Amino acid sequence: MTEMMWMKELKLEFVNLTKGEKKVAGYLLERGRDIEHMTLRQCAAGSGTGQPTVVRTIRRLGYESWQQFRNGVLKASGMEEGLVEPAVPVTKGKVPVDVVRQDIELLQEMAQEIRGDEFQEVIRSLKKASSVEIYGAERSAFVAGELAGRLLHMGIPCRTYADLFLQKVSAEYLDDKSVVIAISQSGITRMVEEAMKAAKRGGVKTVGILGSRGCPIASYCDYIFVTPTVSFEGGEKAASRIAQFGLVDLLCEGLIKSDEKRFKENIRKSREKFV
C-alpha cells in the first residue's frame, strides 16, 4: 500500500467514522508527512482524542497497532524500518491506570456520539412497548442478557435468546407495538442481521447498539447508538465492551428519570419478591 493509497482509503472510509475517528483521520491526512516521527501519544494529543480512538481509526485501514501502521507508511515511503521506535513494555504497575483511562475515553466518546432527540425517542418507545426483544451473539449476548434482566426488574416485558435461530423466528411474530434491540460490535453477524431485517419488515421499532453506523445491521435500525471499543493484546476477541455496558446504564437511568414513580415502584416490588 503506497502512502497515497492509505490516504485514499482513509478518505473513502471517512463517512463511516465516528466523530472522534474523524478527528484522527483529519489529523493524519493533514500531517501525513510527519508520521515517520510521530508517536501514538502525539497523534492522540494532536488530534484532540484518546489513544484508543487513534488505534480504532488505523484499524479501519487493516492495521492492528500504531507501530504496524507507521511501519507500513515508512515502507511505502522507501524509508528504513529502523526509524520506528521499539515497543515499550507495559509494567504491571501501569496496567490498572492505563486500562481505566482507556475505558473512560471510550465512555466519553460513546456519550458524545449520542443524539439527544434520538435517545429520548428510544426511551419513549421502550416505556410504551408491549414487548422488547434483544438480539445478540457471542460476547454481545452477555450485554443483551444484562439489559434484558434490568428491564424485566423495571417491569418492562423483555426477552433474549441463546439460540440465534429463535431470534429470527421471534421477529416474524412481532407487531408495531414491539421494540427490537440489536447488540453487535461488528455489525455483521448474519443471523442478527436477518432477524433485524424481519423485524423491520413487520413495522417494529428497531434499535441498534453497534460498533459503527456504516455496518450492515445499521441499515435495519430506526435508531443507532455507536459503542466504540479498543482491542488489547488478545486482539478483537478480547476487545473491551465497556461502552456497550455503559449504554445499558444510560438506557436504564433514562427510563427511571422519565417516570420515577412507575419504575422505582416496579424495582421495589421485584426486590421484595426475589431477595
C-alpha atoms as a PDB file:
ATOM      1  CA  MET A   1       0.000   0.000   0.000  1.00  0.00           C
ATOM      2  CA  THR A   2       1.590   3.297  -1.025  1.00  0.00           C
ATOM      3  CA  GLU A   3       1.354   6.395   1.116  1.00  0.00           C
ATOM      4  CA  MET A   4      -1.134   7.834  -1.337  1.00  0.00           C
ATOM      5  CA  MET A   5      -3.198   4.659  -1.197  1.00  0.00           C
ATOM      6  CA  TRP A   6      -3.673   4.716   2.599  1.00  0.00           C
ATOM      7  CA  MET A   7      -4.760   8.328   2.349  1.00  0.00           C
ATOM      8  CA  LYS A   8      -7.291   7.456  -0.358  1.00  0.00           C
ATOM      9  CA  GLU A   9      -8.657   4.558   1.684  1.00  0.00           C
ATOM     10  CA  LEU A  10      -8.963   6.737   4.763  1.00  0.00           C
ATOM     11  CA  LYS A  11     -10.884   9.346   2.761  1.00  0.00           C
ATOM     12  CA  LEU A  12     -13.228   6.658   1.407  1.00  0.00           C
ATOM     13  CA  GLU A  13     -13.834   5.339   4.929  1.00  0.00           C
ATOM     14  CA  PHE A  14     -14.309   8.847   6.369  1.00  0.00           C
ATOM     15  CA  VAL A  15     -18.116   8.856   6.126  1.00  0.00           C
ATOM     16  CA  ASN A  16     -18.328   5.717   8.309  1.00  0.00           C
ATOM     17  CA  LEU A  17     -16.091   7.064  11.078  1.00  0.00           C
ATOM     18  CA  THR A  18     -17.287   8.269  14.460  1.00  0.00           C
ATOM     19  CA  LYS A  19     -16.804  11.905  15.436  1.00  0.00           C
ATOM     20  CA  GLY A  20     -13.582  11.106  17.301  1.00  0.00           C
ATOM     21  CA  GLU A  21     -12.243   8.923  14.496  1.00  0.00           C
ATOM     22  CA  LYS A  22     -12.882  11.719  12.001  1.00  0.00           C
ATOM     23  CA  LYS A  23     -10.679  13.992  14.094  1.00  0.00           C
ATOM     24  CA  VAL A  24      -7.892  11.419  13.934  1.00  0.00           C
ATOM     25  CA  ALA A  25      -8.370  10.888  10.185  1.00  0.00           C
ATOM     26  CA  GLY A  26      -8.275  14.615   9.516  1.00  0.00           C
ATOM     27  CA  TYR A  27      -5.121  14.994  11.561  1.00  0.00           C
ATOM     28  CA  LEU A  28      -3.378  12.085   9.818  1.00  0.00           C
ATOM     29  CA  LEU A  29      -4.313  13.360   6.380  1.00  0.00           C
ATOM     30  CA  GLU A  30      -3.080  16.831   7.271  1.00  0.00           C
ATOM     31  CA  ARG A  31       0.148  15.668   8.920  1.00  0.00           C
ATOM     32  CA  GLY A  32       0.874  12.620   6.735  1.00  0.00           C
ATOM     33  CA  ARG A  33       4.499  13.614   6.154  1.00  0.00           C
ATOM     34  CA  ASP A  34       5.163  13.735   9.904  1.00  0.00           C
ATOM     35  CA  ILE A  35       4.035  10.183  10.663  1.00  0.00           C
ATOM     36  CA  GLU A  36       7.628   8.878  10.463  1.00  0.00           C
ATOM     37  CA  HIS A  37       8.477  10.830  13.645  1.00  0.00           C
ATOM     38  CA  MET A  38       5.060  10.683  15.321  1.00  0.00           C
ATOM     39  CA  THR A  39       4.173   8.516  18.333  1.00  0.00           C
ATOM     40  CA  LEU A  40       0.750   7.200  19.252  1.00  0.00           C
ATOM     41  CA  ARG A  41       0.584   9.609  22.177  1.00  0.00           C
ATOM     42  CA  GLN A  42       1.492  12.561  19.946  1.00  0.00           C
ATOM     43  CA  CYS A  43      -1.152  11.617  17.387  1.00  0.00           C
ATOM     44  CA  ALA A  44      -3.809  11.394  20.108  1.00  0.00           C
ATOM     45  CA  ALA A  45      -2.771  14.763  21.566  1.00  0.00           C
ATOM     46  CA  GLY A  46      -2.540  16.430  18.160  1.00  0.00           C
ATOM     47  CA  SER A  47      -5.980  15.220  17.087  1.00  0.00           C
ATOM     48  CA  GLY A  48      -7.569  16.058  20.427  1.00  0.00           C
ATOM     49  CA  THR A  49      -8.660  12.459  21.024  1.00  0.00           C
ATOM     50  CA  GLY A  50      -7.526   9.456  23.050  1.00  0.00           C
ATOM     51  CA  GLN A  51      -5.121   6.682  22.130  1.00  0.00           C
ATOM     52  CA  PRO A  52      -7.923   4.071  21.799  1.00  0.00           C
ATOM     53  CA  THR A  53      -9.589   6.317  19.201  1.00  0.00           C
ATOM     54  CA  VAL A  54      -6.376   6.504  17.180  1.00  0.00           C
ATOM     55  CA  VAL A  55      -5.986   2.715  17.273  1.00  0.00           C
ATOM     56  CA  ARG A  56      -9.577   2.176  16.120  1.00  0.00           C
ATOM     57  CA  THR A  57      -9.056   4.618  13.255  1.00  0.00           C
ATOM     58  CA  ILE A  58      -5.980   2.908  11.856  1.00  0.00           C
ATOM     59  CA  ARG A  59      -7.661  -0.467  12.245  1.00  0.00           C
ATOM     60  CA  ARG A  60     -10.094   0.759   9.597  1.00  0.00           C
ATOM     61  CA  LEU A  61      -7.119   0.529   7.235  1.00  0.00           C
ATOM     62  CA  GLY A  62      -6.266  -3.016   8.302  1.00  0.00           C
ATOM     63  CA  TYR A  63      -3.542  -2.265  10.846  1.00  0.00           C
ATOM     64  CA  GLU A  64      -3.646  -3.772  14.340  1.00  0.00           C
ATOM     65  CA  SER A  65      -1.422  -1.202  16.053  1.00  0.00           C
ATOM     66  CA  TRP A  66       0.123   2.237  15.645  1.00  0.00           C
ATOM     67  CA  GLN A  67       3.561   0.710  15.204  1.00  0.00           C
ATOM     68  CA  GLN A  68       2.313  -1.555  12.413  1.00  0.00           C
ATOM     69  CA  PHE A  69       0.619   1.395  10.719  1.00  0.00           C
ATOM     70  CA  ARG A  70       3.726   3.537  10.908  1.00  0.00           C
ATOM     71  CA  ASN A  71       5.868   0.683   9.627  1.00  0.00           C
ATOM     72  CA  GLY A  72       3.564   0.397   6.624  1.00  0.00           C
ATOM     73  CA  VAL A  73       3.780   4.104   5.880  1.00  0.00           C
ATOM     74  CA  LEU A  74       7.573   4.063   6.227  1.00  0.00           C
ATOM     75  CA  LYS A  75       7.941   1.065   3.923  1.00  0.00           C
ATOM     76  CA  ALA A  76       5.680   2.688   1.345  1.00  0.00           C
ATOM     77  CA  SER A  77       7.828   5.814   1.529  1.00  0.00           C
ATOM     78  CA  GLY A  78      11.023   3.828   0.987  1.00  0.00           C
ATOM     79  CA  MET A  79      12.291   4.616   4.483  1.00  0.00           C
ATOM     80  CA  GLU A  80      14.125   2.327   6.838  1.00  0.00           C
ATOM     81  CA  GLU A  81      12.160   0.339   9.358  1.00  0.00           C
ATOM     82  CA  GLY A  82      14.789   1.210  11.906  1.00  0.00           C
ATOM     83  CA  LEU A  83      13.259   4.651  12.292  1.00  0.00           C
ATOM     84  CA  VAL A  84      10.336   3.128  14.160  1.00  0.00           C
ATOM     85  CA  GLU A  85      10.681   3.319  17.883  1.00  0.00           C
ATOM     86  CA  PRO A  86      10.693  -0.014  19.753  1.00  0.00           C
ATOM     87  CA  ALA A  87       7.617  -1.018  21.690  1.00  0.00           C
ATOM     88  CA  VAL A  88       7.796  -0.059  25.347  1.00  0.00           C
ATOM     89  CA  PRO A  89       6.890  -2.957  27.636  1.00  0.00           C
ATOM     90  CA  VAL A  90       3.945  -2.308  29.918  1.00  0.00           C
ATOM     91  CA  THR A  91       4.739  -2.672  33.578  1.00  0.00           C
ATOM     92  CA  LYS A  92       2.312  -4.327  35.927  1.00  0.00           C
ATOM     93  CA  GLY A  93       2.008  -1.143  37.938  1.00  0.00           C
ATOM     94  CA  LYS A  94       0.654   0.826  34.966  1.00  0.00           C
ATOM     95  CA  VAL A  95      -1.956  -1.676  33.799  1.00  0.00           C
ATOM     96  CA  PRO A  96      -4.832  -0.646  36.105  1.00  0.00           C
ATOM     97  CA  VAL A  97      -4.363   3.074  35.448  1.00  0.00           C
ATOM     98  CA  ASP A  98      -3.900   2.699  31.677  1.00  0.00           C
ATOM     99  CA  VAL A  99      -6.892   0.398  31.216  1.00  0.00           C
ATOM    100  CA  VAL A 100      -9.184   2.570  33.336  1.00  0.00           C
ATOM    101  CA  ARG A 101      -8.048   5.637  31.388  1.00  0.00           C
ATOM    102  CA  GLN A 102      -8.888   3.863  28.123  1.00  0.00           C
ATOM    103  CA  ASP A 103     -12.296   2.853  29.482  1.00  0.00           C
ATOM    104  CA  ILE A 104     -13.058   6.434  30.462  1.00  0.00           C
ATOM    105  CA  GLU A 105     -12.109   7.630  26.968  1.00  0.00           C
ATOM    106  CA  LEU A 106     -14.373   5.011  25.379  1.00  0.00           C
ATOM    107  CA  LEU A 107     -17.310   6.019  27.567  1.00  0.00           C
ATOM    108  CA  GLN A 108     -16.738   9.705  26.850  1.00  0.00           C
ATOM    109  CA  GLU A 109     -16.626   9.109  23.110  1.00  0.00           C
ATOM    110  CA  MET A 110     -19.774   6.969  23.269  1.00  0.00           C
ATOM    111  CA  ALA A 111     -21.623   9.699  25.179  1.00  0.00           C
ATOM    112  CA  GLN A 112     -20.500  12.400  22.718  1.00  0.00           C
ATOM    113  CA  GLU A 113     -21.917  10.393  19.804  1.00  0.00           C
ATOM    114  CA  ILE A 114     -25.405  10.120  21.330  1.00  0.00           C
ATOM    115  CA  ARG A 115     -28.035  12.314  19.721  1.00  0.00           C
ATOM    116  CA  GLY A 116     -30.289  13.698  22.441  1.00  0.00           C
ATOM    117  CA  ASP A 117     -33.528  13.612  20.471  1.00  0.00           C
ATOM    118  CA  GLU A 118     -32.827  10.054  19.308  1.00  0.00           C
ATOM    119  CA  PHE A 119     -32.117   8.930  22.862  1.00  0.00           C
ATOM    120  CA  GLN A 120     -35.408  10.372  24.136  1.00  0.00           C
ATOM    121  CA  GLU A 121     -37.330   8.727  21.275  1.00  0.00           C
ATOM    122  CA  VAL A 122     -35.913   5.353  22.273  1.00  0.00           C
ATOM    123  CA  ILE A 123     -36.828   5.937  25.920  1.00  0.00           C
ATOM    124  CA  ARG A 124     -40.420   6.777  24.927  1.00  0.00           C
ATOM    125  CA  SER A 125     -40.620   3.698  22.712  1.00  0.00           C
ATOM    126  CA  LEU A 126     -39.362   1.410  25.485  1.00  0.00           C
ATOM    127  CA  LYS A 127     -41.816   2.863  28.010  1.00  0.00           C
ATOM    128  CA  LYS A 128     -44.866   2.024  25.915  1.00  0.00           C
ATOM    129  CA  ALA A 129     -43.611  -1.182  24.277  1.00  0.00           C
ATOM    130  CA  SER A 130     -45.801  -4.258  24.540  1.00  0.00           C
ATOM    131  CA  SER A 131     -42.587  -6.310  24.440  1.00  0.00           C
ATOM    132  CA  VAL A 132     -38.860  -5.749  23.986  1.00  0.00           C
ATOM    133  CA  GLU A 133     -36.735  -8.315  22.156  1.00  0.00           C
ATOM    134  CA  ILE A 134     -32.939  -8.100  22.389  1.00  0.00           C
ATOM    135  CA  TYR A 135     -30.749  -9.857  19.828  1.00  0.00           C
ATOM    136  CA  GLY A 136     -27.022 -10.517  20.110  1.00  0.00           C
ATOM    137  CA  ALA A 137     -24.409 -13.210  19.574  1.00  0.00           C
ATOM    138  CA  GLU A 138     -21.244 -14.322  21.351  1.00  0.00           C
ATOM    139  CA  ARG A 139     -19.991 -11.627  23.747  1.00  0.00           C
ATOM    140  CA  SER A 140     -22.749  -9.208  22.768  1.00  0.00           C
ATOM    141  CA  ALA A 141     -25.210 -11.812  24.085  1.00  0.00           C
ATOM    142  CA  PHE A 142     -23.880 -11.176  27.603  1.00  0.00           C
ATOM    143  CA  VAL A 143     -24.674  -7.472  27.204  1.00  0.00           C
ATOM    144  CA  ALA A 144     -28.122  -8.420  25.868  1.00  0.00           C
ATOM    145  CA  GLY A 145     -28.698 -10.539  28.960  1.00  0.00           C
ATOM    146  CA  GLU A 146     -27.687  -7.676  31.256  1.00  0.00           C
ATOM    147  CA  LEU A 147     -30.078  -5.254  29.554  1.00  0.00           C
ATOM    148  CA  ALA A 148     -32.929  -7.800  29.479  1.00  0.00           C
ATOM    149  CA  GLY A 149     -32.561  -8.584  33.179  1.00  0.00           C
ATOM    150  CA  ARG A 150     -32.609  -4.944  34.200  1.00  0.00           C
ATOM    151  CA  LEU A 151     -35.605  -4.107  32.017  1.00  0.00           C
ATOM    152  CA  LEU A 152     -37.528  -7.052  33.481  1.00  0.00           C
ATOM    153  CA  HIS A 153     -36.864  -5.832  37.019  1.00  0.00           C
ATOM    154  CA  MET A 154     -38.228  -2.446  35.920  1.00  0.00           C
ATOM    155  CA  GLY A 155     -41.452  -4.093  34.766  1.00  0.00           C
ATOM    156  CA  ILE A 156     -40.833  -3.963  31.002  1.00  0.00           C
ATOM    157  CA  PRO A 157     -41.654  -7.274  29.220  1.00  0.00           C
ATOM    158  CA  CYS A 158     -38.374  -8.367  27.694  1.00  0.00           C
ATOM    159  CA  ARG A 159     -36.807 -11.446  26.092  1.00  0.00           C
ATOM    160  CA  THR A 160     -33.450 -12.502  24.734  1.00  0.00           C
ATOM    161  CA  TYR A 161     -32.462 -15.749  23.037  1.00  0.00           C
ATOM    162  CA  ALA A 162     -29.439 -18.028  23.358  1.00  0.00           C
ATOM    163  CA  ASP A 163     -30.472 -19.741  20.105  1.00  0.00           C
ATOM    164  CA  LEU A 164     -29.766 -17.357  17.206  1.00  0.00           C
ATOM    165  CA  PHE A 165     -32.354 -19.065  15.013  1.00  0.00           C
ATOM    166  CA  LEU A 166     -35.080 -18.255  17.562  1.00  0.00           C
ATOM    167  CA  GLN A 167     -34.221 -14.566  17.263  1.00  0.00           C
ATOM    168  CA  LYS A 168     -35.302 -14.654  13.631  1.00  0.00           C
ATOM    169  CA  VAL A 169     -38.404 -16.731  14.453  1.00  0.00           C
ATOM    170  CA  SER A 170     -39.498 -14.264  17.132  1.00  0.00           C
ATOM    171  CA  ALA A 171     -39.011 -11.309  14.797  1.00  0.00           C
ATOM    172  CA  GLU A 172     -41.595 -12.726  12.392  1.00  0.00           C
ATOM    173  CA  TYR A 173     -44.341 -12.522  15.045  1.00  0.00           C
ATOM    174  CA  LEU A 174     -43.821  -9.031  16.444  1.00  0.00           C
ATOM    175  CA  ASP A 175     -46.091  -6.046  15.824  1.00  0.00           C
ATOM    176  CA  ASP A 176     -45.665  -2.266  15.688  1.00  0.00           C
ATOM    177  CA  LYS A 177     -46.016  -2.029  19.478  1.00  0.00           C
ATOM    178  CA  SER A 178     -42.836  -4.034  19.991  1.00  0.00           C
ATOM    179  CA  VAL A 179     -39.245  -2.811  20.157  1.00  0.00           C
ATOM    180  CA  VAL A 180     -36.255  -4.840  18.985  1.00  0.00           C
ATOM    181  CA  ILE A 181     -32.702  -4.039  20.071  1.00  0.00           C
ATOM    182  CA  ALA A 182     -29.700  -5.476  18.221  1.00  0.00           C
ATOM    183  CA  ILE A 183     -26.364  -5.521  20.042  1.00  0.00           C
ATOM    184  CA  SER A 184     -23.398  -6.198  17.779  1.00  0.00           C
ATOM    185  CA  GLN A 185     -19.919  -4.705  17.886  1.00  0.00           C
ATOM    186  CA  SER A 186     -19.011  -5.937  14.412  1.00  0.00           C
ATOM    187  CA  GLY A 187     -22.444  -5.182  12.951  1.00  0.00           C
ATOM    188  CA  ILE A 188     -22.136  -8.076  10.517  1.00  0.00           C
ATOM    189  CA  THR A 189     -23.475 -11.120  12.406  1.00  0.00           C
ATOM    190  CA  ARG A 190     -25.658 -12.741   9.742  1.00  0.00           C
ATOM    191  CA  MET A 191     -28.383 -14.225  11.991  1.00  0.00           C
ATOM    192  CA  VAL A 192     -28.790 -10.971  13.908  1.00  0.00           C
ATOM    193  CA  GLU A 193     -28.949  -9.046  10.632  1.00  0.00           C
ATOM    194  CA  GLU A 194     -31.646 -11.394   9.264  1.00  0.00           C
ATOM    195  CA  ALA A 195     -33.672 -11.083  12.466  1.00  0.00           C
ATOM    196  CA  MET A 196     -33.498  -7.282  12.315  1.00  0.00           C
ATOM    197  CA  LYS A 197     -34.496  -7.340   8.652  1.00  0.00           C
ATOM    198  CA  ALA A 198     -37.584  -9.406   9.516  1.00  0.00           C
ATOM    199  CA  ALA A 199     -38.487  -7.098  12.410  1.00  0.00           C
ATOM    200  CA  LYS A 200     -38.106  -4.006  10.248  1.00  0.00           C
ATOM    201  CA  ARG A 201     -40.304  -5.572   7.579  1.00  0.00           C
ATOM    202  CA  GLY A 202     -43.024  -6.080  10.208  1.00  0.00           C
ATOM    203  CA  GLY A 203     -43.077  -2.408  11.217  1.00  0.00           C
ATOM    204  CA  VAL A 204     -41.315  -2.945  14.546  1.00  0.00           C
ATOM    205  CA  LYS A 205     -39.302  -0.132  16.159  1.00  0.00           C
ATOM    206  CA  THR A 206     -35.666  -1.170  15.795  1.00  0.00           C
ATOM    207  CA  VAL A 207     -32.660  -0.006  17.816  1.00  0.00           C
ATOM    208  CA  GLY A 208     -29.011  -0.796  17.154  1.00  0.00           C
ATOM    209  CA  ILE A 209     -26.195  -0.777  19.716  1.00  0.00           C
ATOM    210  CA  LEU A 210     -23.410  -1.111  17.182  1.00  0.00           C
ATOM    211  CA  GLY A 211     -19.728  -0.540  16.535  1.00  0.00           C
ATOM    212  CA  SER A 212     -20.444   1.904  13.690  1.00  0.00           C
ATOM    213  CA  ARG A 213     -23.251   3.479  11.687  1.00  0.00           C
ATOM    214  CA  GLY A 214     -21.913   2.032   8.442  1.00  0.00           C
ATOM    215  CA  CYS A 215     -22.333  -1.683   9.236  1.00  0.00           C
ATOM    216  CA  PRO A 216     -24.940  -3.956   7.538  1.00  0.00           C
ATOM    217  CA  ILE A 217     -27.181  -4.260  10.625  1.00  0.00           C
ATOM    218  CA  ALA A 218     -27.425  -0.463  10.858  1.00  0.00           C
ATOM    219  CA  SER A 219     -29.478  -0.348   7.646  1.00  0.00           C
ATOM    220  CA  TYR A 220     -32.363  -2.037   9.506  1.00  0.00           C
ATOM    221  CA  CYS A 221     -32.283   0.215  12.585  1.00  0.00           C
ATOM    222  CA  ASP A 222     -34.512   3.225  13.221  1.00  0.00           C
ATOM    223  CA  TYR A 223     -32.163   4.399  15.976  1.00  0.00           C
ATOM    224  CA  ILE A 224     -28.435   3.757  16.317  1.00  0.00           C
ATOM    225  CA  PHE A 225     -26.078   4.130  19.269  1.00  0.00           C
ATOM    226  CA  VAL A 226     -22.384   3.744  18.468  1.00  0.00           C
ATOM    227  CA  THR A 227     -20.309   1.961  21.110  1.00  0.00           C
ATOM    228  CA  PRO A 228     -16.570   2.355  20.388  1.00  0.00           C
ATOM    229  CA  THR A 229     -14.110  -0.291  21.503  1.00  0.00           C
ATOM    230  CA  VAL A 230     -10.396  -0.920  21.585  1.00  0.00           C
ATOM    231  CA  SER A 231      -8.541  -4.223  21.282  1.00  0.00           C
ATOM    232  CA  PHE A 232      -5.943  -5.141  23.859  1.00  0.00           C
ATOM    233  CA  GLU A 233      -3.145  -7.696  23.460  1.00  0.00           C
ATOM    234  CA  GLY A 234      -5.651 -10.519  22.911  1.00  0.00           C
ATOM    235  CA  GLY A 235      -6.963  -8.941  19.708  1.00  0.00           C
ATOM    236  CA  GLU A 236     -10.592  -8.463  18.618  1.00  0.00           C
ATOM    237  CA  LYS A 237     -11.963 -11.276  20.791  1.00  0.00           C
ATOM    238  CA  ALA A 238     -10.515  -9.566  23.855  1.00  0.00           C
ATOM    239  CA  ALA A 239     -11.780  -6.105  22.893  1.00  0.00           C
ATOM    240  CA  SER A 240     -13.336  -4.008  25.629  1.00  0.00           C
ATOM    241  CA  ARG A 241     -17.158  -3.888  25.762  1.00  0.00           C
ATOM    242  CA  ILE A 242     -17.275  -1.186  28.428  1.00  0.00           C
ATOM    243  CA  ALA A 243     -19.155   1.204  26.098  1.00  0.00           C
ATOM    244  CA  GLN A 244     -21.914  -1.357  25.495  1.00  0.00           C
ATOM    245  CA  PHE A 245     -22.423  -1.843  29.230  1.00  0.00           C
ATOM    246  CA  GLY A 246     -22.241   1.918  29.710  1.00  0.00           C
ATOM    247  CA  LEU A 247     -25.073   2.387  27.236  1.00  0.00           C
ATOM    248  CA  VAL A 248     -27.144  -0.166  29.152  1.00  0.00           C
ATOM    249  CA  ASP A 249     -26.695   2.049  32.222  1.00  0.00           C
ATOM    250  CA  LEU A 250     -27.776   5.134  30.236  1.00  0.00           C
ATOM    251  CA  LEU A 251     -30.931   3.485  28.877  1.00  0.00           C
ATOM    252  CA  CYS A 252     -31.989   2.208  32.294  1.00  0.00           C
ATOM    253  CA  GLU A 253     -31.277   5.512  34.012  1.00  0.00           C
ATOM    254  CA  GLY A 254     -33.079   7.359  31.226  1.00  0.00           C
ATOM    255  CA  LEU A 255     -36.144   5.214  31.765  1.00  0.00           C
ATOM    256  CA  ILE A 256     -36.115   5.777  35.536  1.00  0.00           C
ATOM    257  CA  LYS A 257     -35.762   9.545  35.118  1.00  0.00           C
ATOM    258  CA  SER A 258     -38.653   9.585  32.633  1.00  0.00           C
ATOM    259  CA  ASP A 259     -41.098   8.057  35.172  1.00  0.00           C
ATOM    260  CA  GLU A 260     -39.543   7.636  38.596  1.00  0.00           C
ATOM    261  CA  LYS A 261     -42.763   6.637  40.353  1.00  0.00           C
ATOM    262  CA  ARG A 262     -43.510   3.782  37.949  1.00  0.00           C
ATOM    263  CA  PHE A 263     -40.066   2.287  37.608  1.00  0.00           C
ATOM    264  CA  LYS A 264     -38.875   2.717  41.184  1.00  0.00           C
ATOM    265  CA  GLU A 265     -42.050   1.046  42.392  1.00  0.00           C
ATOM    266  CA  ASN A 266     -41.520  -1.851  39.979  1.00  0.00           C
ATOM    267  CA  ILE A 267     -37.910  -2.244  41.121  1.00  0.00           C
ATOM    268  CA  ARG A 268     -39.081  -2.241  44.757  1.00  0.00           C
ATOM    269  CA  LYS A 269     -41.650  -4.962  44.019  1.00  0.00           C
ATOM    270  CA  SER A 270     -39.064  -7.031  42.201  1.00  0.00           C
ATOM    271  CA  ARG A 271     -36.612  -6.715  45.075  1.00  0.00           C
ATOM    272  CA  GLU A 272     -39.228  -7.807  47.626  1.00  0.00           C
ATOM    273  CA  LYS A 273     -40.170 -10.885  45.591  1.00  0.00           C
ATOM    274  CA  PHE A 274     -36.718 -12.150  44.783  1.00  0.00           C
ATOM    275  CA  VAL A 275     -34.459 -11.067  47.647  1.00  0.00           C
END
